[in-house]
Structures are given as C-alpha cells and as structure tokens.
N, C-alpha and C. Protein backbone atom coordinates (compact mmCIF):
# COMPACT_ATOMS: atom_id res chain seq x y z
N UNK A 1 -42.22 -28.12 14.06
CA UNK A 1 -40.89 -28.89 13.41
C UNK A 1 -39.90 -28.72 13.95
N UNK A 2 -39.09 -29.36 14.22
CA UNK A 2 -37.90 -29.55 15.13
C UNK A 2 -36.84 -28.87 14.38
N UNK A 3 -35.87 -27.65 14.20
CA UNK A 3 -34.34 -27.33 13.23
C UNK A 3 -33.94 -27.52 14.55
N UNK A 4 -32.72 -28.20 14.10
CA UNK A 4 -31.51 -28.67 15.03
C UNK A 4 -30.66 -27.25 14.58
N UNK A 5 -30.43 -26.67 13.85
CA UNK A 5 -29.88 -25.42 14.25
C UNK A 5 -30.39 -24.15 14.36
N UNK A 6 -31.23 -24.50 14.50
CA UNK A 6 -32.54 -23.23 15.36
C UNK A 6 -32.16 -23.57 16.44
N UNK A 7 -32.48 -24.99 17.25
CA UNK A 7 -32.12 -25.22 18.45
C UNK A 7 -31.10 -24.78 19.34
N UNK A 8 -30.22 -25.66 18.24
CA UNK A 8 -28.31 -25.32 18.50
C UNK A 8 -28.42 -23.64 19.03
N UNK A 9 -28.40 -22.89 18.27
CA UNK A 9 -28.29 -21.52 18.61
C UNK A 9 -28.85 -20.96 19.86
N UNK A 10 -29.85 -22.00 20.43
CA UNK A 10 -30.31 -21.03 21.58
C UNK A 10 -30.11 -22.03 23.06
N UNK A 11 -29.67 -23.39 22.65
CA UNK A 11 -29.52 -24.20 23.67
C UNK A 11 -28.06 -24.58 24.27
N UNK A 12 -27.93 -23.47 25.59
CA UNK A 12 -26.63 -23.83 26.26
C UNK A 12 -25.81 -25.33 26.31
N UNK A 13 -26.25 -26.35 26.27
CA UNK A 13 -25.82 -27.84 25.73
C UNK A 13 -25.95 -28.17 24.65
N UNK A 14 -24.87 -28.75 24.08
CA UNK A 14 -24.96 -29.12 22.72
C UNK A 14 -24.63 -30.95 23.09
N UNK A 15 -25.54 -31.65 22.52
CA UNK A 15 -25.43 -32.74 22.74
C UNK A 15 -24.48 -33.57 21.25
N UNK A 16 -23.81 -34.42 21.61
CA UNK A 16 -22.78 -34.61 20.41
C UNK A 16 -22.19 -36.50 20.55
N UNK A 17 -23.41 -36.57 21.16
CA UNK A 17 -23.61 -38.37 21.44
C UNK A 17 -23.63 -38.95 20.07
N UNK A 18 -24.29 -38.54 19.22
CA UNK A 18 -24.34 -39.45 17.87
C UNK A 18 -22.60 -38.94 17.23
N UNK A 19 -21.98 -37.81 17.14
CA UNK A 19 -20.88 -38.20 16.88
C UNK A 19 -19.67 -39.22 17.42
N UNK A 20 -19.73 -39.68 18.59
CA UNK A 20 -18.99 -40.18 19.39
C UNK A 20 -19.57 -41.74 19.17
N UNK A 21 -20.88 -41.71 19.10
CA UNK A 21 -21.45 -43.33 18.53
C UNK A 21 -20.70 -43.44 16.87
N UNK A 22 -20.92 -42.45 16.25
CA UNK A 22 -20.25 -42.69 14.76
C UNK A 22 -18.68 -43.18 14.73
N UNK A 23 -17.60 -42.42 15.68
CA UNK A 23 -16.18 -42.91 15.95
C UNK A 23 -16.40 -43.86 16.02
N UNK A 24 -17.30 -44.42 17.33
CA UNK A 24 -16.52 -45.98 17.59
C UNK A 24 -17.63 -46.93 17.00
N UNK A 25 -18.42 -46.51 15.50
CA UNK A 25 -18.87 -47.55 14.93
C UNK A 25 -20.41 -48.22 16.10
N UNK A 26 -20.89 -47.54 16.40
CA UNK A 26 -21.90 -47.84 17.64
C UNK A 26 -23.10 -47.46 16.92
N UNK A 27 -24.32 -48.68 16.91
CA UNK A 27 -25.28 -48.17 16.26
C UNK A 27 -26.23 -47.88 16.98
N UNK A 28 -26.90 -47.02 17.13
CA UNK A 28 -28.31 -46.62 18.08
C UNK A 28 -28.87 -48.42 19.02
N UNK A 29 -29.38 -49.19 17.97
CA UNK A 29 -30.12 -50.34 18.99
C UNK A 29 -29.34 -50.94 19.58
N UNK A 30 -27.80 -51.14 19.04
CA UNK A 30 -27.02 -52.05 20.27
C UNK A 30 -26.86 -50.85 21.53
N UNK A 31 -26.27 -49.78 21.46
CA UNK A 31 -25.86 -48.64 22.39
C UNK A 31 -27.15 -48.85 23.48
N UNK A 32 -28.79 -48.44 22.80
CA UNK A 32 -29.99 -48.78 23.36
C UNK A 32 -30.10 -50.15 24.37
N UNK A 33 -29.91 -50.95 23.89
CA UNK A 33 -29.85 -52.56 24.50
C UNK A 33 -28.90 -52.55 25.70
N UNK A 34 -27.85 -52.10 25.32
CA UNK A 34 -26.95 -52.06 26.63
C UNK A 34 -26.74 -51.43 27.74
N UNK A 35 -27.46 -50.11 27.17
CA UNK A 35 -27.82 -49.08 28.48
C UNK A 35 -28.77 -49.25 28.72
N UNK A 36 -30.04 -50.21 28.65
CA UNK A 36 -31.17 -50.20 29.09
C UNK A 36 -32.20 -49.21 28.73
N UNK A 37 -32.33 -48.61 27.69
CA UNK A 37 -33.18 -47.76 27.56
C UNK A 37 -33.80 -47.71 26.51
N UNK A 38 -35.07 -47.26 25.83
CA UNK A 38 -35.45 -47.87 24.33
C UNK A 38 -34.91 -47.22 23.45
N UNK A 39 -34.67 -47.45 22.13
CA UNK A 39 -33.89 -46.58 21.16
C UNK A 39 -34.62 -45.45 21.00
N UNK A 40 -36.16 -44.92 21.23
CA UNK A 40 -36.75 -43.71 21.09
C UNK A 40 -36.51 -43.01 21.78
N UNK A 41 -36.20 -43.26 23.16
CA UNK A 41 -35.49 -42.52 24.32
C UNK A 41 -34.08 -42.06 24.21
N UNK A 42 -33.02 -42.89 23.20
CA UNK A 42 -31.92 -42.69 23.29
C UNK A 42 -31.50 -42.12 21.70
N UNK A 43 -32.62 -41.97 21.08
CA UNK A 43 -32.78 -41.17 19.81
C UNK A 43 -33.06 -39.68 20.26
N UNK A 44 -33.81 -39.40 21.53
CA UNK A 44 -33.99 -38.26 22.09
C UNK A 44 -33.07 -37.44 22.75
N UNK A 45 -32.48 -38.33 23.27
CA UNK A 45 -30.89 -38.19 23.89
C UNK A 45 -29.99 -37.38 22.87
N UNK A 46 -29.86 -38.43 21.46
CA UNK A 46 -28.96 -37.82 20.58
C UNK A 46 -29.81 -36.58 19.94
N UNK A 47 -30.74 -35.93 20.14
CA UNK A 47 -30.84 -35.09 19.36
C UNK A 47 -31.50 -33.72 20.49
N UNK A 48 -31.21 -33.95 21.49
CA UNK A 48 -31.21 -32.75 22.76
C UNK A 48 -32.49 -32.50 22.80
N UNK A 49 -33.69 -33.26 22.50
CA UNK A 49 -34.60 -32.99 22.96
C UNK A 49 -35.70 -33.35 24.24
N UNK A 50 -34.32 -33.43 25.26
CA UNK A 50 -34.87 -34.09 26.74
C UNK A 50 -34.02 -32.81 27.49
N UNK A 51 -34.77 -32.67 28.62
CA UNK A 51 -34.44 -31.46 29.51
C UNK A 51 -33.18 -32.25 30.65
N UNK A 52 -33.02 -33.25 30.47
CA UNK A 52 -32.29 -33.63 31.56
C UNK A 52 -31.11 -35.27 31.16
N UNK A 53 -30.73 -35.74 32.10
CA UNK A 53 -30.42 -36.76 31.75
C UNK A 53 -29.56 -37.92 33.24
N UNK A 54 -30.36 -38.38 33.82
CA UNK A 54 -29.79 -39.14 34.97
C UNK A 54 -28.43 -39.45 34.46
N UNK A 55 -27.42 -39.37 35.74
CA UNK A 55 -25.98 -39.44 35.51
C UNK A 55 -25.60 -41.27 35.76
N UNK A 56 -26.94 -42.14 36.09
CA UNK A 56 -26.32 -43.21 35.50
C UNK A 56 -26.58 -43.89 34.09
N UNK A 57 -27.09 -43.28 33.56
CA UNK A 57 -27.18 -42.94 32.00
C UNK A 57 -25.92 -42.70 31.27
N UNK A 58 -25.65 -41.66 32.12
CA UNK A 58 -24.79 -40.99 31.90
C UNK A 58 -23.36 -41.64 31.81
N UNK A 59 -23.32 -42.49 33.08
CA UNK A 59 -22.02 -43.50 33.14
C UNK A 59 -21.98 -44.14 32.29
N UNK A 60 -23.22 -44.98 32.31
CA UNK A 60 -23.55 -46.13 31.58
C UNK A 60 -22.66 -45.72 29.77
N UNK A 61 -23.29 -44.64 29.09
CA UNK A 61 -23.18 -44.27 27.92
C UNK A 61 -21.45 -44.39 28.10
N UNK A 62 -20.62 -43.43 28.54
CA UNK A 62 -19.49 -43.36 28.82
C UNK A 62 -18.85 -44.83 29.00
N UNK A 63 -19.56 -45.55 29.79
CA UNK A 63 -18.41 -46.92 30.28
C UNK A 63 -18.28 -47.81 28.55
N UNK A 64 -19.54 -47.91 28.42
CA UNK A 64 -19.85 -48.74 26.83
C UNK A 64 -19.04 -47.94 25.55
N UNK A 65 -18.80 -46.41 25.58
CA UNK A 65 -18.33 -45.91 24.30
C UNK A 65 -16.85 -45.58 24.80
N UNK A 66 -16.41 -45.68 25.99
CA UNK A 66 -15.32 -45.76 26.52
C UNK A 66 -14.67 -43.96 26.23
N UNK A 67 -15.38 -43.28 26.65
CA UNK A 67 -15.42 -41.75 26.58
C UNK A 67 -15.63 -41.02 27.96
N UNK A 68 -15.13 -39.57 28.27
CA UNK A 68 -15.92 -38.84 29.09
C UNK A 68 -17.08 -37.82 28.69
N UNK A 69 -18.00 -37.81 30.03
CA UNK A 69 -18.78 -36.72 29.51
C UNK A 69 -18.65 -35.55 28.64
N UNK A 70 -17.49 -34.89 28.97
CA UNK A 70 -17.11 -33.85 27.62
C UNK A 70 -17.42 -34.23 26.43
N UNK A 71 -17.40 -35.61 26.34
CA UNK A 71 -16.91 -35.99 25.06
C UNK A 71 -18.40 -35.93 24.37
N UNK A 72 -19.41 -36.31 24.99
CA UNK A 72 -20.75 -35.79 24.40
C UNK A 72 -21.91 -35.06 24.77
N UNK A 73 -21.25 -34.18 26.04
CA UNK A 73 -22.16 -33.09 26.24
C UNK A 73 -20.67 -31.51 26.25
N UNK A 74 -21.24 -31.18 25.29
CA UNK A 74 -20.44 -29.33 25.27
C UNK A 74 -21.41 -28.40 25.71
N UNK A 75 -20.90 -27.53 26.59
CA UNK A 75 -21.60 -26.05 26.51
C UNK A 75 -21.16 -24.98 25.61
N UNK A 76 -22.01 -24.57 25.33
CA UNK A 76 -21.75 -23.21 24.16
C UNK A 76 -22.55 -21.83 25.12
N UNK A 77 -21.93 -20.80 25.26
CA UNK A 77 -22.42 -19.52 25.47
C UNK A 77 -22.95 -18.12 24.54
N UNK A 78 -22.86 -19.11 23.40
CA UNK A 78 -23.84 -18.41 22.26
C UNK A 78 -25.16 -18.23 22.14
N UNK A 79 -25.60 -16.83 22.47
CA UNK A 79 -26.61 -16.16 22.60
C UNK A 79 -27.22 -15.35 21.50
N UNK A 80 -26.27 -15.52 20.44
CA UNK A 80 -27.26 -14.25 19.18
C UNK A 80 -27.91 -15.21 18.28
C-alpha cells in the first residue's frame, strides 16, 4: 500500500505539482492533454511515484502552469 507520509519521509525530492495545479485551478485531465501525456502518467508524477521526469515534460508543465521548476519540485534533506 502506498503511504504518502512514509514515502515523503524517505524521499529527497518532494513533488508539489498537485498544489500548483490547485492554485491555478487546473484539472489533471486538461493538463495531461496539454502536455501530451496520459492522465495515469500525470497521476504518477503528482504522487511522486516516478524515478525521473524528462526536462521536456517539466518545461511543458512550467509553461502551461506559468511557474518555475522549484514551484513543483522541492528538495528535502530529512532523513529521520
């Protein structure tokens, strides 16, 4: 079972895509269509269940949401 709190505790990169999308009132379906990826893949990105993201995809997300990569991705050095 996926537990976001457990994963967040041990993951160095935190994905805040859902927060930025909510601030922009952007639906997953619409963002996925504009980026050119499936809703399932966007969901995986939002939950941090991916090991990487192409710069091309990040660039499209930032252009559409009018944000910076740092608004979406956050580094955490929490290790406990």
